[in-house]
Every structure is written in C-alpha cells, then in structure tokens.
C-alpha cells in the first residue's frame, strides 16, 4: 500500500508501516527526526498523489481543549477556524482510508465526534494520554497490550508523563510524538 503519514516529523508511524513492507511516506513542514521517505512541505500539495491510506496528525495548538484559556483569542484572530478548515480538508480528501489523530479538541463539537478514543496504556505504555481517532474506511484499533493495572500503581506524574513534561524548547515535540505501541498497532491492524 502507498501510505501517507500527514503532519509527522518524527517518522515513528511512517517507519512502523515501512517495516511491514509498505511504501510509507511522512510529510511535514519540518525535517524528519528519523531518516526515511519524508517530504518536507505542505501536505495539501500532495494529497492527490494516489495514496491508499492517510494517517493525519494535524497540529493541535489551536484545537485542543487543553488550550481553552486561549480560545477567545484564537477564535478572534481566525487561527481556530483555519485549523478546523485544515482538518475538514484532510477528512474529506479523496483517499479511501483515513485516520485523523488529535487530543480531545473542538473537532468533536465543530466537525464530529471521534470514532474512537485510545490511550497508550492499551498498547504497552503505562501512561494515560487521551487520543481521539476520526476514521474513514478503517476499523477501530484493538488494544494490543493493556498495561492499565501496572500504570495505576504509578504516581500521577508518571501516569501522565507527557502532560507533566517540564517547559523546554522541545516539549511540544515530545508531547506530539506517537507512542511506538500505537504506531505498531496501526501498521499491524490497518493493512
């Protein structure tokens, strides 16, 4: 399959699919962290290149409810509307199989509710991080390694490690990188 991983700089999801033998490409405005098939640029410019599947990770900066304190400003200056237009474009493009991933966000109220909500602890990582999936032509992901009991024994700052990351220049990158167990489940179950 020819697979596009939209808005992915890390290469984690791309490489999970590549290891399964797929022609997987990531595309982002940033360079890729892991060398591989990566297009540096605007994903909107390549959506018509015969992809069989797209897994999209649109930026959540102007969408996630964790930033609700700034919504008034983001609505007033058009950033949130622009982000929602981008999401709509991705969800409605002419690719047969689509998964769009984002945290809890205004996508749920402004476009539609997610088809599935997953957590890293369902895929072998003893952490909580609510991740919503909007699906087209794809089944819901089945948990592969539920470690919720192990996670419950950890202190809150370890259970929600990503949430409690200290401020820093790469905090946003660390918070947005897909957990390997989730990437592996996608590559295993969606092909």
Protein backbone atom coordinates (compact mmCIF):
# COMPACT_ATOMS: atom_id res chain seq x y z
CA UNK A 1 0.00 0.00 0.00
CA UNK A 2 1.03 3.60 -0.62
CA UNK A 3 0.60 5.32 2.74
CA UNK A 4 0.86 8.99 3.67
CA UNK A 5 1.58 9.97 7.26
CA UNK A 6 0.49 13.60 7.24
CA UNK A 7 1.95 16.15 9.64
CA UNK A 8 4.52 13.75 11.05
CA UNK A 9 8.07 14.96 11.65
CA UNK A 10 9.07 12.09 13.98
CA UNK A 11 8.91 9.22 11.48
CA UNK A 12 7.54 6.83 14.13
CA UNK A 13 4.30 5.92 12.33
CA UNK A 14 5.94 6.02 8.89
CA UNK A 15 8.63 3.56 9.96
CA UNK A 16 6.09 1.19 11.57
CA UNK A 17 4.36 0.88 8.18
CA UNK A 18 7.65 0.72 6.25
CA UNK A 19 8.76 -2.23 8.42
CA UNK A 20 5.62 -4.04 7.22
CA UNK A 21 6.77 -3.55 3.62
CA UNK A 22 4.56 -0.61 2.67
CA UNK A 23 5.51 2.40 0.58
CA UNK A 24 5.11 4.77 3.53
CA UNK A 25 5.88 8.48 3.38
CA UNK A 26 5.72 11.16 6.05
CA UNK A 27 5.09 14.79 5.21
CA UNK A 28 5.58 17.79 7.45
CA UNK A 29 6.77 21.38 7.31
CA UNK A 30 9.68 20.19 9.48
CA UNK A 31 12.53 17.85 8.67
CA UNK A 32 12.08 14.25 9.83
CA UNK A 33 13.70 13.05 13.05
CA UNK A 34 14.26 9.54 11.67
CA UNK A 35 15.83 9.30 8.21
CA UNK A 36 13.45 7.78 5.68
CA UNK A 37 10.93 8.64 3.00
CA UNK A 38 9.91 12.15 4.01
CA UNK A 39 8.51 15.08 2.11
CA UNK A 40 9.27 18.44 3.67
CA UNK A 41 6.40 20.69 2.69
CA UNK A 42 2.69 21.32 2.84
CA UNK A 43 0.69 18.08 2.87
CA UNK A 44 -2.15 19.78 1.00
CA UNK A 45 0.12 19.88 -2.06
CA UNK A 46 0.46 16.09 -2.27
CA UNK A 47 -2.97 14.71 -1.30
CA UNK A 48 -3.78 13.83 -4.92
CA UNK A 49 -0.80 11.53 -5.49
CA UNK A 50 -2.61 8.18 -5.38
CA UNK A 51 -2.44 7.36 -1.68
CA UNK A 52 -4.25 4.23 -0.45
CA UNK A 53 -4.27 5.42 3.14
CA UNK A 54 -3.52 8.54 5.14
CA UNK A 55 -2.88 8.83 8.84
CA UNK A 56 -3.01 12.51 9.72
CA UNK A 57 -1.71 14.25 12.82
CA UNK A 58 -2.82 17.87 12.29
CA UNK A 59 -1.31 20.37 14.73
CA UNK A 60 -3.43 20.60 17.86
CA UNK A 61 -2.18 24.00 19.03
CA UNK A 62 -5.37 25.83 18.04
CA UNK A 63 -7.75 22.88 18.55
CA UNK A 64 -7.00 21.06 21.82
CA UNK A 65 -9.23 21.80 24.80
CA UNK A 66 -6.09 21.93 26.95
CA UNK A 67 -5.67 25.41 25.46
CA UNK A 68 -9.22 26.56 26.21
CA UNK A 69 -7.90 29.62 28.08
CA UNK A 70 -6.66 30.97 24.72
CA UNK A 71 -9.73 30.04 22.63
CA UNK A 72 -11.23 33.53 22.68
CA UNK A 73 -8.05 34.95 21.14
CA UNK A 74 -7.70 32.05 18.67
CA UNK A 75 -11.29 32.46 17.52
CA UNK A 76 -10.99 36.25 17.21
CA UNK A 77 -7.86 36.14 15.07
CA UNK A 78 -9.06 33.21 12.92
CA UNK A 79 -6.44 30.63 13.98
CA UNK A 80 -9.02 28.13 15.24
CA UNK A 81 -11.18 28.46 12.13
CA UNK A 82 -8.12 27.97 9.93
CA UNK A 83 -7.12 24.84 11.88
CA UNK A 84 -10.66 23.44 11.56
CA UNK A 85 -10.67 24.10 7.78
CA UNK A 86 -7.42 22.14 7.54
CA UNK A 87 -8.93 19.21 9.48
CA UNK A 88 -12.06 19.22 7.28
CA UNK A 89 -9.90 19.20 4.15
CA UNK A 90 -7.92 16.22 5.43
CA UNK A 91 -11.04 14.27 6.45
CA UNK A 92 -12.80 14.93 3.14
CA UNK A 93 -9.94 14.33 0.72
CA UNK A 94 -10.14 11.58 -1.88
CA UNK A 95 -8.13 8.91 -0.06
CA UNK A 96 -10.03 5.64 0.64
CA UNK A 97 -8.70 5.02 4.15
CA UNK A 98 -8.14 7.86 6.59
CA UNK A 99 -7.33 8.09 10.29
CA UNK A 100 -7.04 11.54 11.83
CA UNK A 101 -5.49 11.70 15.29
CA UNK A 102 -5.77 14.53 17.81
CA UNK A 103 -6.23 15.02 21.54
CA UNK A 104 -9.62 15.99 22.93
CA UNK A 105 -10.42 19.06 20.87
CA UNK A 106 -13.01 21.27 19.25
CA UNK A 107 -13.04 18.86 16.31
CA UNK A 108 -15.57 16.88 18.38
CA UNK A 109 -18.01 19.78 18.59
CA UNK A 110 -17.28 21.70 15.39
CA UNK A 111 -16.96 18.77 12.95
CA UNK A 112 -17.98 15.47 14.54
CA UNK A 113 -17.28 13.24 17.50
CA UNK A 114 -14.32 10.86 17.18
CA UNK A 115 -14.92 7.26 16.18
CA UNK A 116 -12.60 6.02 18.92
CA UNK A 117 -10.67 7.19 21.96
CA UNK A 118 -7.48 5.34 22.86
CA UNK A 119 -4.71 5.58 25.49
CA UNK A 120 -1.05 4.48 25.38
CA UNK A 121 -1.67 2.03 28.25
CA UNK A 122 -3.79 -0.06 25.86
CA UNK A 123 -0.71 -0.55 23.66
CA UNK A 124 2.04 -1.38 26.16
CA UNK A 125 2.96 2.05 27.55
CA UNK A 126 2.00 2.58 31.23
CA UNK A 127 0.73 6.11 30.58
CA UNK A 128 -2.52 7.99 30.08
CA UNK A 129 -2.92 10.34 27.12
CA UNK A 130 -6.38 10.66 25.69
CA UNK A 131 -6.07 10.31 21.93
CA UNK A 132 -9.07 10.64 19.63
CA UNK A 133 -9.31 8.96 16.23
CA UNK A 134 -11.61 10.02 13.40
CA UNK A 135 -11.79 7.13 10.94
CA UNK A 136 -12.85 6.65 7.31
CA UNK A 137 -12.69 3.16 5.78
CA UNK A 138 -10.73 1.79 8.74
CA UNK A 139 -11.77 -0.33 11.75
CA UNK A 140 -11.24 0.78 15.32
CA UNK A 141 -7.85 -0.13 16.75
CA UNK A 142 -7.90 -3.14 19.03
CA UNK A 143 -5.74 -2.89 22.18
CA UNK A 144 -2.59 -4.99 21.88
CA UNK A 145 -1.07 -4.94 25.36
CA UNK A 146 -3.21 -3.46 28.14
CA UNK A 147 -0.92 -2.40 30.98
CA UNK A 148 -3.53 -0.31 32.82
CA UNK A 149 -3.05 -2.21 36.09
CA UNK A 150 0.70 -1.55 36.00
CA UNK A 151 0.02 2.11 35.18
CA UNK A 152 -2.40 2.52 38.12
CA UNK A 153 0.44 1.69 40.52
CA UNK A 154 2.49 4.63 39.28
CA UNK A 155 2.32 8.18 40.70
CA UNK A 156 0.16 10.60 38.73
CA UNK A 157 3.15 12.42 37.23
CA UNK A 158 4.39 9.10 35.77
CA UNK A 159 0.92 8.03 34.57
CA UNK A 160 0.61 11.33 32.74
CA UNK A 161 4.30 11.81 31.94
CA UNK A 162 3.66 13.72 28.73
CA UNK A 163 1.34 16.17 30.49
CA UNK A 164 3.92 16.82 33.21
CA UNK A 165 6.91 17.38 30.94
CA UNK A 166 8.86 20.42 32.13
CA UNK A 167 8.95 23.54 29.98
CA UNK A 168 11.55 23.47 27.25
CA UNK A 169 12.14 24.14 23.58
CA UNK A 170 11.27 20.55 22.54
CA UNK A 171 8.33 20.00 24.92
CA UNK A 172 5.80 20.37 22.09
CA UNK A 173 7.65 17.77 20.01
CA UNK A 174 7.80 15.27 22.86
CA UNK A 175 4.10 15.77 23.58
CA UNK A 176 3.09 15.20 19.97
CA UNK A 177 5.18 12.13 19.13
CA UNK A 178 3.11 8.96 18.61
CA UNK A 179 3.79 6.16 21.08
CA UNK A 180 5.54 3.22 19.39
CA UNK A 181 2.91 0.70 20.57
CA UNK A 182 0.14 2.73 18.92
CA UNK A 183 2.13 3.12 15.70
CA UNK A 184 2.80 -0.64 15.63
CA UNK A 185 -0.91 -1.40 16.17
CA UNK A 186 -1.86 0.89 13.29
CA UNK A 187 0.64 -0.80 10.96
CA UNK A 188 -0.45 -4.27 12.03
CA UNK A 189 -4.22 -3.77 12.02
CA UNK A 190 -4.84 -1.28 9.22
CA UNK A 191 -3.07 -3.04 6.35
